[in-house]
Amino acid sequence: MNKSQKVNSKLIWMDNYFENDLGKESKNKNIGYSAGAGIGIKHELTELSVNYDYNRSANSGSHQGTVKLKLLF
């Protein structure tokens, strides 16, 4: 296989087709990173956790935060 050839891939899952063309012109030039932090607290029968995630690429960034409260009984 040389650099000018294209690779066509197809994924079949539950009667659905997902196609992807891989070749010289379709290379992804974006580099991204993900960072996150979380903390959890447990007191007797109660658990509380707070998490934060940040995803960054060359074109955009996204934030996601979660708060979970768990009552054990």
C-alpha atoms as a PDB file:
ATOM      1  CA  MET A   1       0.000   0.000   0.000  1.00  0.00           C
ATOM      2  CA  ASN A   2       1.433   3.367  -0.928  1.00  0.00           C
ATOM      3  CA  LYS A   3       0.529   6.810   0.398  1.00  0.00           C
ATOM      4  CA  SER A   4      -1.755   7.726  -2.498  1.00  0.00           C
ATOM      5  CA  GLN A   5      -4.102   4.762  -2.000  1.00  0.00           C
ATOM      6  CA  LYS A   6      -7.338   5.086  -0.090  1.00  0.00           C
ATOM      7  CA  VAL A   7      -8.611   2.626   2.465  1.00  0.00           C
ATOM      8  CA  ASN A   8     -12.360   2.173   2.680  1.00  0.00           C
ATOM      9  CA  SER A   9     -13.664   0.638   5.868  1.00  0.00           C
ATOM     10  CA  LYS A  10     -17.205  -0.408   6.664  1.00  0.00           C
ATOM     11  CA  LEU A  11     -18.656  -1.432  10.017  1.00  0.00           C
ATOM     12  CA  ILE A  12     -21.871  -3.420  10.063  1.00  0.00           C
ATOM     13  CA  TRP A  13     -23.761  -3.368  13.360  1.00  0.00           C
ATOM     14  CA  MET A  14     -27.370  -4.481  13.779  1.00  0.00           C
ATOM     15  CA  ASP A  15     -28.343  -3.820  10.123  1.00  0.00           C
ATOM     16  CA  ASN A  16     -26.647  -0.382  10.096  1.00  0.00           C
ATOM     17  CA  TYR A  17     -23.619   0.513   7.992  1.00  0.00           C
ATOM     18  CA  PHE A  18     -20.950   2.968   9.120  1.00  0.00           C
ATOM     19  CA  GLU A  19     -18.402   3.896   6.460  1.00  0.00           C
ATOM     20  CA  ASN A  20     -15.076   5.667   6.777  1.00  0.00           C
ATOM     21  CA  ASP A  21     -12.577   6.673   4.086  1.00  0.00           C
ATOM     22  CA  LEU A  22      -8.948   6.758   5.174  1.00  0.00           C
ATOM     23  CA  GLY A  23      -6.444   8.298   2.826  1.00  0.00           C
ATOM     24  CA  LYS A  24      -3.899  11.019   2.349  1.00  0.00           C
ATOM     25  CA  GLU A  25      -6.462  13.827   2.057  1.00  0.00           C
ATOM     26  CA  SER A  26      -8.639  12.699   4.972  1.00  0.00           C
ATOM     27  CA  LYS A  27      -6.023  12.757   7.726  1.00  0.00           C
ATOM     28  CA  ASN A  28      -7.146  14.541  10.865  1.00  0.00           C
ATOM     29  CA  LYS A  29      -4.782  17.409  11.628  1.00  0.00           C
ATOM     30  CA  ASN A  30      -6.443  18.338  14.916  1.00  0.00           C
ATOM     31  CA  ILE A  31      -4.827  17.434  18.185  1.00  0.00           C
ATOM     32  CA  GLY A  32      -6.934  17.586  21.310  1.00  0.00           C
ATOM     33  CA  TYR A  33      -6.695  16.827  24.971  1.00  0.00           C
ATOM     34  CA  SER A  34      -8.953  15.976  27.883  1.00  0.00           C
ATOM     35  CA  ALA A  35      -8.590  17.011  31.511  1.00  0.00           C
ATOM     36  CA  GLY A  36     -10.783  16.267  34.458  1.00  0.00           C
ATOM     37  CA  ALA A  37     -11.038  16.219  38.209  1.00  0.00           C
ATOM     38  CA  GLY A  38     -13.377  14.688  40.730  1.00  0.00           C
ATOM     39  CA  ILE A  39     -13.976  14.396  44.430  1.00  0.00           C
ATOM     40  CA  GLY A  40     -16.088  11.974  46.430  1.00  0.00           C
ATOM     41  CA  ILE A  41     -17.316  12.160  50.009  1.00  0.00           C
ATOM     42  CA  LYS A  42     -18.896   9.340  51.994  1.00  0.00           C
ATOM     43  CA  HIS A  43     -20.608   9.793  55.369  1.00  0.00           C
ATOM     44  CA  GLU A  44     -22.507   6.893  56.928  1.00  0.00           C
ATOM     45  CA  LEU A  45     -25.167   5.948  54.329  1.00  0.00           C
ATOM     46  CA  THR A  46     -24.721   8.943  52.005  1.00  0.00           C
ATOM     47  CA  GLU A  47     -22.248   9.358  49.141  1.00  0.00           C
ATOM     48  CA  LEU A  48     -21.708  12.601  47.218  1.00  0.00           C
ATOM     49  CA  SER A  49     -19.403  12.947  44.208  1.00  0.00           C
ATOM     50  CA  VAL A  50     -18.644  15.942  41.997  1.00  0.00           C
ATOM     51  CA  ASN A  51     -16.787  15.548  38.677  1.00  0.00           C
ATOM     52  CA  TYR A  52     -15.652  18.000  36.006  1.00  0.00           C
ATOM     53  CA  ASP A  53     -14.270  17.212  32.519  1.00  0.00           C
ATOM     54  CA  TYR A  54     -12.883  19.519  29.837  1.00  0.00           C
ATOM     55  CA  ASN A  55     -12.236  18.385  26.245  1.00  0.00           C
ATOM     56  CA  ARG A  56     -10.319  20.656  23.890  1.00  0.00           C
ATOM     57  CA  SER A  57      -9.568  20.350  20.174  1.00  0.00           C
ATOM     58  CA  ALA A  58      -8.277  22.854  17.640  1.00  0.00           C
ATOM     59  CA  ASN A  59     -11.803  23.969  16.710  1.00  0.00           C
ATOM     60  CA  SER A  60     -13.782  23.818  19.942  1.00  0.00           C
ATOM     61  CA  GLY A  61     -13.861  23.032  23.612  1.00  0.00           C
ATOM     62  CA  SER A  62     -16.490  21.372  25.763  1.00  0.00           C
ATOM     63  CA  HIS A  63     -17.217  21.289  29.469  1.00  0.00           C
ATOM     64  CA  GLN A  64     -19.090  18.629  31.398  1.00  0.00           C
ATOM     65  CA  GLY A  65     -19.889  18.506  35.066  1.00  0.00           C
ATOM     66  CA  THR A  66     -21.728  15.904  37.105  1.00  0.00           C
ATOM     67  CA  VAL A  67     -23.037  15.776  40.644  1.00  0.00           C
ATOM     68  CA  LYS A  68     -24.100  12.405  42.061  1.00  0.00           C
ATOM     69  CA  LEU A  69     -25.916  11.817  45.313  1.00  0.00           C
ATOM     70  CA  LYS A  70     -26.244   8.213  46.446  1.00  0.00           C
ATOM     71  CA  LEU A  71     -28.346   7.194  49.438  1.00  0.00           C
ATOM     72  CA  LEU A  72     -27.651   3.695  50.733  1.00  0.00           C
ATOM     73  CA  PHE A  73     -30.308   1.859  52.713  1.00  0.00           C
END
